[in-house]
């Protein structure tokens, strides 16, 4: 079973408030893009994983590289194994999606592992059921089960389809600065909108995205840019460069560091 876990970008990202569970309530549009990893899942006599391509850093607070058995794909397998009598698998992952880049590569790998195991062992799970499993692994994991433009609310796991036909006449360019941005660090620096002074534009993101793409520059923002750009000024320069190249709209994806520009075809 070979799948191609693709990346996503966030078009607009509002950090609304901090929740009692320590997470933040968000409002964002998840939009799939073509950049993808390569994932192979095969039945085996023992649970095993090998990873290639872009290296994955170790978990926070520890040095070195992440051990294969700590990969989120293994966690996805174990999550299903707890509820279904499935045999061990070998997982082979070739990373093409940059890590710490706001593209959801790890989340996509996990979601596609769930999709692969469902097909491989005929579990016949619905998308909704698979999304519930995926949401346990990460806030944006559930999006990759559906893999179509979705408005994300809550932690990002509450999803609503959102047609964005206005992008049919545009192309999206991704730029990957040589910067690793820790999601945890990005959140530690964020000031939620409910305590910001002065208050920002509070129109719903859905309303803002229904404007012509040419108007997004003035109203569709990623709240992480303020603090992440302050720590990594080079990222703001990448954004300015995209506009200098003729982008109609440019932004950072997620908590960074990938920048994207939307250009007329």
Foldseek 3Di string as FASTA:
>chain_A
DKDWQFWWFWFFKAFAQADPVRFTKIKTKTATDDFTKMKDKAADQAAEEDEEADFAADPPPDHDGHDRCPQLLVVLVVLVVVPDVDGHIYMYIYDPDDALAQGCHSLSSSLVSLVVVCVVVVVPDDLVVSLVSSCVSDLCSSCNSVNHIWIATDSRSDTDHDDQCLLVQKDKDKDAPPDRHDLVVLVVPADHQVPDPPHAPPDRVSVLSVPRLLPCQPHRAHRSCVVVCVVVVVQVVVQVVLVVVPFSHKYGGHNRDMIMGIHGD
